[in-house]
Amino acid sequence: MYSGQCLCAKVRFHIEGNLEPIQVCHCSQCRRAQGGPFATNIPVDESCFTLVSGADSLTEFESSPGKRRVFCRTCGSPIYSRKDALPGVLRIRAVCSKAIFRPGRWRIFSTVLEPAGG
């Protein structure tokens, strides 16, 4: 079981079962929603997701037709998103889960790219 929470800890959740590979999205909507260069998401079957506390602290925003982003109304932490086109699948924000960042789970590579002509 994996557990996670928002920044203010009002929203807490559990995920049962194995996790799918982490997806990193660089689209303009994800960058704006996360406030950074990308979003890290884990697709999770909705039946494996249990909201432990904070249901009254969740709010959602339809960022595009059929796509809803769910976040904590107190601290603004993104919790998950869902698409009408993918019923039963939640895209959990990977940074909300403590267990995901255990040693050996990630391999991070970095490359410095120089601007063209400079």
C-alpha atoms as a PDB file:
ATOM      1  CA  MET A   1       0.000   0.000   0.000  1.00  0.00           C
ATOM      2  CA  TYR A   2       1.129   3.526  -0.793  1.00  0.00           C
ATOM      3  CA  SER A   3       0.008   6.631   1.022  1.00  0.00           C
ATOM      4  CA  GLY A   4       0.069  10.297   0.185  1.00  0.00           C
ATOM      5  CA  GLN A   5      -1.202  13.679   1.220  1.00  0.00           C
ATOM      6  CA  CYS A   6      -1.401  17.299   0.191  1.00  0.00           C
ATOM      7  CA  LEU A   7       0.921  19.992   1.566  1.00  0.00           C
ATOM      8  CA  CYS A   8      -1.369  20.972   4.455  1.00  0.00           C
ATOM      9  CA  ALA A   9      -2.184  17.279   5.186  1.00  0.00           C
ATOM     10  CA  LYS A  10      -5.948  17.820   5.087  1.00  0.00           C
ATOM     11  CA  VAL A  11      -6.245  15.493   2.081  1.00  0.00           C
ATOM     12  CA  ARG A  12      -4.847  12.002   2.691  1.00  0.00           C
ATOM     13  CA  PHE A  13      -5.144   8.917   0.531  1.00  0.00           C
ATOM     14  CA  HIS A  14      -4.045   5.299   0.087  1.00  0.00           C
ATOM     15  CA  ILE A  15      -3.327   3.351  -3.088  1.00  0.00           C
ATOM     16  CA  GLU A  16      -3.552  -0.451  -3.037  1.00  0.00           C
ATOM     17  CA  GLY A  17      -1.611  -2.681  -5.415  1.00  0.00           C
ATOM     18  CA  ASN A  18       1.354  -2.132  -7.684  1.00  0.00           C
ATOM     19  CA  LEU A  19       1.989   1.220  -9.274  1.00  0.00           C
ATOM     20  CA  GLU A  20       2.258   1.756 -13.002  1.00  0.00           C
ATOM     21  CA  PRO A  21       5.354   3.555 -14.341  1.00  0.00           C
ATOM     22  CA  ILE A  22       5.487   7.262 -13.645  1.00  0.00           C
ATOM     23  CA  GLN A  23       4.495   9.439 -16.585  1.00  0.00           C
ATOM     24  CA  VAL A  24       6.116  12.823 -17.098  1.00  0.00           C
ATOM     25  CA  CYS A  25       4.064  15.314 -19.072  1.00  0.00           C
ATOM     26  CA  HIS A  26       5.502  18.501 -20.542  1.00  0.00           C
ATOM     27  CA  CYS A  27       2.324  19.879 -22.174  1.00  0.00           C
ATOM     28  CA  SER A  28       1.498  23.527 -21.572  1.00  0.00           C
ATOM     29  CA  GLN A  29      -1.539  22.711 -19.411  1.00  0.00           C
ATOM     30  CA  CYS A  30       0.444  20.431 -17.092  1.00  0.00           C
ATOM     31  CA  ARG A  31       3.236  22.985 -16.813  1.00  0.00           C
ATOM     32  CA  ARG A  32       0.749  25.692 -15.849  1.00  0.00           C
ATOM     33  CA  ALA A  33      -1.163  23.444 -13.447  1.00  0.00           C
ATOM     34  CA  GLN A  34       2.026  22.302 -11.686  1.00  0.00           C
ATOM     35  CA  GLY A  35       3.864  25.615 -11.793  1.00  0.00           C
ATOM     36  CA  GLY A  36       6.947  23.914 -13.207  1.00  0.00           C
ATOM     37  CA  PRO A  37       8.476  22.452 -16.367  1.00  0.00           C
ATOM     38  CA  PHE A  38       6.501  19.163 -16.162  1.00  0.00           C
ATOM     39  CA  ALA A  39       4.037  17.098 -14.137  1.00  0.00           C
ATOM     40  CA  THR A  40       4.712  13.616 -12.775  1.00  0.00           C
ATOM     41  CA  ASN A  41       1.674  11.353 -12.891  1.00  0.00           C
ATOM     42  CA  ILE A  42       0.890   7.763 -12.019  1.00  0.00           C
ATOM     43  CA  PRO A  43      -2.171   6.170 -13.626  1.00  0.00           C
ATOM     44  CA  VAL A  44      -4.149   4.353 -10.936  1.00  0.00           C
ATOM     45  CA  ASP A  45      -7.350   2.364 -11.217  1.00  0.00           C
ATOM     46  CA  GLU A  46      -9.982   4.287  -9.297  1.00  0.00           C
ATOM     47  CA  SER A  47     -10.916   1.126  -7.360  1.00  0.00           C
ATOM     48  CA  CYS A  48      -7.367   1.063  -5.898  1.00  0.00           C
ATOM     49  CA  PHE A  49      -7.605   4.664  -4.628  1.00  0.00           C
ATOM     50  CA  THR A  50      -9.056   5.382  -1.174  1.00  0.00           C
ATOM     51  CA  LEU A  51      -9.540   8.894   0.123  1.00  0.00           C
ATOM     52  CA  VAL A  52      -8.745   8.618   3.840  1.00  0.00           C
ATOM     53  CA  SER A  53      -9.571  12.197   4.787  1.00  0.00           C
ATOM     54  CA  GLY A  54     -10.249  15.576   3.283  1.00  0.00           C
ATOM     55  CA  ALA A  55     -13.152  14.966   0.895  1.00  0.00           C
ATOM     56  CA  ASP A  56     -14.559  18.352   1.912  1.00  0.00           C
ATOM     57  CA  SER A  57     -11.190  19.965   1.089  1.00  0.00           C
ATOM     58  CA  LEU A  58     -11.142  18.752  -2.529  1.00  0.00           C
ATOM     59  CA  THR A  59     -12.234  20.940  -5.380  1.00  0.00           C
ATOM     60  CA  GLU A  60     -11.969  20.420  -9.112  1.00  0.00           C
ATOM     61  CA  PHE A  61     -11.419  22.484 -12.213  1.00  0.00           C
ATOM     62  CA  GLU A  62     -12.308  21.431 -15.757  1.00  0.00           C
ATOM     63  CA  SER A  63      -9.130  22.497 -17.528  1.00  0.00           C
ATOM     64  CA  SER A  64     -10.351  21.319 -20.930  1.00  0.00           C
ATOM     65  CA  PRO A  65     -13.565  19.612 -22.044  1.00  0.00           C
ATOM     66  CA  GLY A  66     -13.766  16.259 -20.267  1.00  0.00           C
ATOM     67  CA  LYS A  67     -10.608  16.729 -18.143  1.00  0.00           C
ATOM     68  CA  ARG A  68     -10.857  17.602 -14.473  1.00  0.00           C
ATOM     69  CA  ARG A  69      -7.988  18.492 -12.171  1.00  0.00           C
ATOM     70  CA  VAL A  70      -8.642  17.851  -8.481  1.00  0.00           C
ATOM     71  CA  PHE A  71      -6.741  19.736  -5.818  1.00  0.00           C
ATOM     72  CA  CYS A  72      -6.829  20.788  -2.158  1.00  0.00           C
ATOM     73  CA  ARG A  73      -8.783  24.006  -1.757  1.00  0.00           C
ATOM     74  CA  THR A  74      -6.700  24.992   1.295  1.00  0.00           C
ATOM     75  CA  CYS A  75      -3.096  24.600   0.115  1.00  0.00           C
ATOM     76  CA  GLY A  76      -3.626  24.222  -3.646  1.00  0.00           C
ATOM     77  CA  SER A  77      -1.761  20.914  -3.934  1.00  0.00           C
ATOM     78  CA  PRO A  78      -2.788  18.967  -7.039  1.00  0.00           C
ATOM     79  CA  ILE A  79      -3.975  15.488  -6.045  1.00  0.00           C
ATOM     80  CA  TYR A  80      -5.145  13.835  -9.280  1.00  0.00           C
ATOM     81  CA  SER A  81      -6.768  14.428 -12.626  1.00  0.00           C
ATOM     82  CA  ARG A  82      -9.333  12.399 -14.539  1.00  0.00           C
ATOM     83  CA  LYS A  83     -10.559  12.277 -18.134  1.00  0.00           C
ATOM     84  CA  ASP A  84     -14.012  11.312 -19.331  1.00  0.00           C
ATOM     85  CA  ALA A  85     -12.259   9.446 -22.164  1.00  0.00           C
ATOM     86  CA  LEU A  86     -10.494   7.192 -19.582  1.00  0.00           C
ATOM     87  CA  PRO A  87     -13.239   6.180 -17.138  1.00  0.00           C
ATOM     88  CA  GLY A  88     -12.058   4.568 -13.923  1.00  0.00           C
ATOM     89  CA  VAL A  89      -8.479   5.904 -14.194  1.00  0.00           C
ATOM     90  CA  LEU A  90      -7.048   8.592 -11.937  1.00  0.00           C
ATOM     91  CA  ARG A  91      -3.730  10.235 -12.731  1.00  0.00           C
ATOM     92  CA  ILE A  92      -2.261  10.689  -9.262  1.00  0.00           C
ATOM     93  CA  ARG A  93       0.330  13.415  -8.859  1.00  0.00           C
ATOM     94  CA  ALA A  94       3.451  11.457  -7.971  1.00  0.00           C
ATOM     95  CA  VAL A  95       4.808  14.090  -5.604  1.00  0.00           C
ATOM     96  CA  CYS A  96       1.860  13.502  -3.235  1.00  0.00           C
ATOM     97  CA  SER A  97       2.957   9.965  -2.347  1.00  0.00           C
ATOM     98  CA  LYS A  98       5.713   9.416   0.209  1.00  0.00           C
ATOM     99  CA  ALA A  99       6.491   5.821  -0.766  1.00  0.00           C
ATOM    100  CA  ILE A 100       7.154   6.548  -4.429  1.00  0.00           C
ATOM    101  CA  PHE A 101      10.444   8.282  -3.719  1.00  0.00           C
ATOM    102  CA  ARG A 102      12.120   5.379  -1.942  1.00  0.00           C
ATOM    103  CA  PRO A 103      15.664   4.516  -3.109  1.00  0.00           C
ATOM    104  CA  GLY A 104      15.861   2.571  -6.357  1.00  0.00           C
ATOM    105  CA  ARG A 105      12.463   3.694  -7.664  1.00  0.00           C
ATOM    106  CA  TRP A 106      13.765   6.575  -9.793  1.00  0.00           C
ATOM    107  CA  ARG A 107      16.648   7.016 -12.162  1.00  0.00           C
ATOM    108  CA  ILE A 108      17.191  10.673 -12.885  1.00  0.00           C
ATOM    109  CA  PHE A 109      19.419  11.916 -15.676  1.00  0.00           C
ATOM    110  CA  SER A 110      20.261  15.511 -16.383  1.00  0.00           C
ATOM    111  CA  THR A 111      21.677  17.125 -19.465  1.00  0.00           C
ATOM    112  CA  VAL A 112      22.450  20.778 -19.959  1.00  0.00           C
ATOM    113  CA  LEU A 113      21.318  22.009 -23.336  1.00  0.00           C
ATOM    114  CA  GLU A 114      22.856  25.100 -24.793  1.00  0.00           C
ATOM    115  CA  PRO A 115      20.580  27.503 -26.692  1.00  0.00           C
ATOM    116  CA  ALA A 116      20.920  27.386 -30.463  1.00  0.00           C
ATOM    117  CA  GLY A 117      23.656  29.697 -31.658  1.00  0.00           C
ATOM    118  CA  GLY A 118      25.058  30.304 -28.200  1.00  0.00           C
END
